[in-house]
Every structure is written in structure tokens, then in C-alpha cells.
Amino acid sequence: MGNEVTGVVNEQDGTIVIKDAEGKEIRYAKESDLLTIKGSRDDLQVKLAAAEAARGTATTEADTKIAEANQQKLQAEAKAESLTEEIKKHTGTAEELVSLKAQLATAQQSGEERGNKLLELRRTFITNTYKVPPATVAEKTLTQLDVFEEALKAVGAGTGGNYAFGGAGGGANALEGKSPLELAKMFYTK
């Protein structure tokens, strides 16, 4: 005569729970439920790949804009500095002095505008890349933004890991390599 196995159907999730010879519980799930879990995992992997590709494109575009704005800011600052030096050593007429002072004021204003634009681009980049609220970076200086971004990188923000799904459950990578039975156990024991 074979071993008799008795089980209980869990009404909430439709699994069958039996006890082995040692009294440990074993759960059996419907194949359709396991296939649904596998399908969900596949969908999440496709979405993650698309999100990573979009983030990479956005990051490249933002880096290019930031580099261009920074270059323009540096050029404006260099022009302002050269005009300042020219004014200091210039002993020309009053008209030349007025003209140089006007050019200096224009260069300084241009440098300030480009600096502000660079600052806004950095804030937008950090907000979009690391999904932080705009108010978090609204009052930060360029130096503070650099430090803030390094801190975000250090904790892995924006890498598509746990943050892509809004939780700390391990994301889609935690599902890779698992058999359907292991997946079912993971989802039914939580």
C-alpha cells in the first residue's frame, strides 16, 4: 500500500498545501498561474530594457547640452576677463573707456545668463535622470548639484535596479534563472 497524502486547498490563492513525511508544508500552484508569473516577468524585462535605452539616450542628449552650455559660459567668462584686463591697462580716450566698459558689462551679463542656463540644465538633468522632485534641487548651486549627483550615483539611483519598479524587492533580475516552482513559492509565500 502506498503513502497516503492529504492536502488542503487554499481558497485565497488556489494552491494546494500538503505535508510531507516530516510535516513540512509543500505548496502546489496551477500551471496557468505559473505561466502568468513568467509572462509578467518577461513583460517587465522588456519594459526595463526600453526604459534603460530611453534613459541612455536622454542622458547622452543632456550631457551634450550641458557640455555646450558650459563651453559657452567659459567663453563668456574668458571674454569678460580679457576685457577687464584691457580696461585696466588701457590709457586711451574716455570714449574708448566707455566702449570697453559697455562691452565688459555685456560680457558679464552674457556670462551670468549662460551660467544660469547651465545651472537650470543641470537641475533638469538630475531631476529627469534620478527622478528626484524638482524642489529638491531648486536652490542648489552648481557645486552642490555636482555633490548631490555623486551621492545619487553612490547609492545606485537611476541605474534601473530596484528604483525602476519603485521598491526594494530586487526587480526583474531576482526572477532570472528561477524555475516555475521556485517562482510560485516566492510569490505564494509572501
Protein backbone atom coordinates (compact mmCIF):
# COMPACT_ATOMS: atom_id res chain seq x y z
CA MET A 1 0.00 0.00 0.00
CA GLY A 2 1.41 3.47 -0.95
CA ASN A 3 1.75 6.50 1.23
CA GLU A 4 -1.48 8.40 1.53
CA VAL A 5 -1.17 12.15 1.01
CA THR A 6 -3.74 14.60 2.19
CA GLY A 7 -3.89 18.21 1.27
CA VAL A 8 -5.83 21.38 1.80
CA VAL A 9 -6.90 23.82 -0.92
CA ASN A 10 -6.12 27.42 -0.07
CA GLU A 11 -9.26 29.29 -1.16
CA GLN A 12 -7.49 32.66 -1.42
CA ASP A 13 -4.81 31.78 -3.97
CA GLY A 14 -5.97 28.39 -5.31
CA THR A 15 -2.88 26.47 -4.21
CA ILE A 16 -2.88 23.01 -2.69
CA VAL A 17 -0.97 22.60 0.54
CA ILE A 18 0.19 19.12 1.58
CA LYS A 19 2.51 17.94 4.30
CA ASP A 20 5.42 15.61 3.65
CA ALA A 21 6.51 12.77 5.94
CA GLU A 22 8.36 15.26 8.19
CA GLY A 23 5.34 17.52 8.49
CA LYS A 24 6.74 20.33 6.29
CA GLU A 25 4.24 22.12 4.06
CA ILE A 26 4.59 21.89 0.27
CA ARG A 27 2.53 24.19 -1.96
CA TYR A 28 1.43 23.31 -5.46
CA ALA A 29 0.19 26.00 -7.83
CA LYS A 30 -1.79 25.88 -11.06
CA GLU A 31 0.31 25.83 -14.21
CA SER A 32 -1.71 28.76 -15.57
CA ASP A 33 -0.70 30.85 -12.54
CA LEU A 34 2.96 29.99 -13.09
CA LEU A 35 2.70 30.91 -16.78
CA THR A 36 1.11 34.23 -15.81
CA ILE A 37 4.03 34.95 -13.48
CA LYS A 38 6.50 34.07 -16.24
CA GLY A 39 4.63 36.33 -18.68
CA SER A 40 4.71 39.18 -16.18
CA ARG A 41 8.42 38.71 -15.71
CA ASP A 42 9.01 38.76 -19.49
CA ASP A 43 6.91 41.94 -19.80
CA LEU A 44 8.91 43.59 -17.01
CA GLN A 45 12.19 42.67 -18.69
CA VAL A 46 11.03 44.22 -21.99
CA LYS A 47 9.88 47.38 -20.19
CA LEU A 48 13.16 47.57 -18.28
CA ALA A 49 15.20 47.27 -21.48
CA ALA A 50 13.12 50.03 -23.11
CA ALA A 51 13.49 52.27 -20.04
CA GLU A 52 17.26 51.73 -19.99
CA ALA A 53 17.54 52.59 -23.70
CA ALA A 54 15.44 55.76 -23.25
CA ARG A 55 17.46 56.78 -20.18
CA GLY A 56 20.72 56.27 -22.09
CA THR A 57 19.52 58.45 -24.98
CA ALA A 58 18.24 61.17 -22.63
CA THR A 59 21.48 61.11 -20.64
CA THR A 60 23.59 61.48 -23.79
CA GLU A 61 21.47 64.38 -25.05
CA ALA A 62 21.53 66.11 -21.66
CA ASP A 63 25.29 65.65 -21.34
CA THR A 64 25.78 67.22 -24.78
CA LYS A 65 23.61 70.23 -23.90
CA ILE A 66 25.35 70.66 -20.57
CA ALA A 67 28.78 70.49 -22.21
CA GLU A 68 27.75 73.07 -24.83
CA ALA A 69 26.31 75.43 -22.21
CA ASN A 70 29.42 75.03 -20.06
CA GLN A 71 31.66 75.80 -23.05
CA GLN A 72 29.65 78.93 -23.85
CA LYS A 73 29.83 80.02 -20.22
CA LEU A 74 33.60 79.54 -20.17
CA GLN A 75 33.96 81.53 -23.41
CA ALA A 76 31.85 84.38 -21.99
CA GLU A 77 33.92 84.40 -18.78
CA ALA A 78 37.18 84.43 -20.77
CA LYS A 79 35.93 87.34 -22.88
CA ALA A 80 34.90 89.25 -19.75
CA GLU A 81 38.30 88.61 -18.18
CA SER A 82 40.18 89.76 -21.28
CA LEU A 83 38.07 92.93 -21.45
CA THR A 84 38.72 93.60 -17.77
CA GLU A 85 42.46 93.29 -18.35
CA GLU A 86 42.24 95.53 -21.39
CA ILE A 87 40.38 98.19 -19.37
CA LYS A 88 43.00 98.03 -16.60
CA LYS A 89 45.92 98.61 -18.94
CA HIS A 90 44.18 100.89 -21.38
CA THR A 91 45.06 104.55 -21.13
CA GLY A 92 43.06 105.64 -24.18
CA THR A 93 40.38 108.21 -24.55
CA ALA A 94 37.23 108.47 -22.48
CA GLU A 95 35.18 107.19 -25.44
CA GLU A 96 37.28 104.02 -25.66
CA LEU A 97 36.93 103.53 -21.92
CA VAL A 98 33.15 103.90 -22.07
CA SER A 99 33.01 101.47 -25.01
CA LEU A 100 35.15 98.90 -23.21
CA LYS A 101 33.08 99.21 -20.04
CA ALA A 102 29.91 98.63 -22.07
CA GLN A 103 31.48 95.55 -23.69
CA LEU A 104 32.54 94.31 -20.28
CA ALA A 105 29.03 94.75 -18.87
CA THR A 106 27.57 92.89 -21.85
CA ALA A 107 30.10 90.07 -21.48
CA GLN A 108 29.43 89.79 -17.75
CA GLN A 109 25.68 89.71 -18.32
CA SER A 110 26.11 87.06 -21.03
CA GLY A 111 28.29 85.01 -18.72
CA GLU A 112 25.73 85.25 -15.93
CA GLU A 113 22.88 84.26 -18.29
CA ARG A 114 24.83 81.28 -19.58
CA GLY A 115 25.75 80.31 -16.03
CA ASN A 116 22.07 80.40 -15.06
CA LYS A 117 21.17 78.33 -18.14
CA LEU A 118 23.85 75.78 -17.25
CA LEU A 119 22.51 75.62 -13.70
CA GLU A 120 18.95 75.02 -14.94
CA LEU A 121 20.14 72.34 -17.38
CA ARG A 122 21.96 70.53 -14.55
CA ARG A 123 18.86 70.73 -12.34
CA THR A 124 16.66 69.37 -15.14
CA PHE A 125 19.15 66.62 -15.91
CA ILE A 126 19.31 65.47 -12.28
CA THR A 127 15.53 65.70 -11.87
CA ASN A 128 14.87 63.65 -15.02
CA THR A 129 17.70 61.13 -14.63
CA TYR A 130 17.35 60.33 -10.93
CA LYS A 131 13.61 61.03 -10.59
CA VAL A 132 14.02 63.45 -7.69
CA PRO A 133 11.41 66.14 -7.08
CA PRO A 134 12.34 69.49 -8.69
CA ALA A 135 12.02 71.23 -5.31
CA THR A 136 14.94 69.12 -4.05
CA VAL A 137 17.40 70.78 -6.45
CA ALA A 138 15.68 74.15 -6.94
CA GLU A 139 18.00 76.14 -4.65
CA LYS A 140 21.24 74.16 -5.14
CA THR A 141 24.32 75.77 -6.69
CA LEU A 142 26.34 74.11 -9.45
CA THR A 143 28.84 72.79 -6.92
CA GLN A 144 26.07 71.48 -4.67
CA LEU A 145 24.44 69.77 -7.67
CA ASP A 146 27.73 68.03 -8.50
CA VAL A 147 28.00 66.70 -4.95
CA PHE A 148 24.30 65.74 -4.92
CA GLU A 149 24.64 63.81 -8.20
CA GLU A 150 27.72 61.97 -6.93
CA ALA A 151 25.74 60.96 -3.84
CA LEU A 152 22.88 59.70 -6.01
CA LYS A 153 25.32 57.70 -8.11
CA ALA A 154 26.89 56.25 -4.97
CA VAL A 155 23.58 54.82 -3.78
CA GLY A 156 22.72 53.49 -7.23
CA ALA A 157 19.84 55.84 -8.01
CA GLY A 158 18.74 55.91 -11.65
CA THR A 159 20.56 52.66 -12.59
CA GLY A 160 17.38 50.81 -13.47
CA GLY A 161 17.80 48.48 -10.48
CA ASN A 162 15.34 48.46 -7.62
CA TYR A 163 14.33 52.07 -8.33
CA ALA A 164 12.84 51.24 -11.74
CA PHE A 165 9.99 49.34 -10.07
CA GLY A 166 9.57 51.58 -7.04
CA GLY A 167 10.55 49.04 -4.45
CA ALA A 168 13.38 47.13 -2.90
CA GLY A 169 12.25 43.66 -3.97
CA GLY A 170 15.12 43.04 -6.35
CA GLY A 171 13.32 43.90 -9.60
CA ALA A 172 13.21 41.61 -12.62
CA ASN A 173 16.76 40.34 -12.09
CA ALA A 174 15.65 38.48 -8.95
CA LEU A 175 13.37 36.36 -11.14
CA GLU A 176 16.02 35.24 -13.63
CA GLY A 177 17.10 31.62 -13.53
CA LYS A 178 14.24 30.56 -11.26
CA SER A 179 12.14 27.53 -12.09
CA PRO A 180 8.36 27.97 -12.27
CA LEU A 181 8.03 26.11 -8.96
CA GLU A 182 10.56 28.42 -7.28
CA LEU A 183 8.76 31.46 -8.67
CA ALA A 184 5.47 30.14 -7.39
CA LYS A 185 6.97 29.54 -3.95
CA MET A 186 8.36 33.08 -3.90
CA PHE A 187 5.03 34.66 -4.78
CA TYR A 188 2.84 32.42 -2.66
CA THR A 189 4.93 32.65 0.49
CA LYS A 190 4.96 36.46 0.57
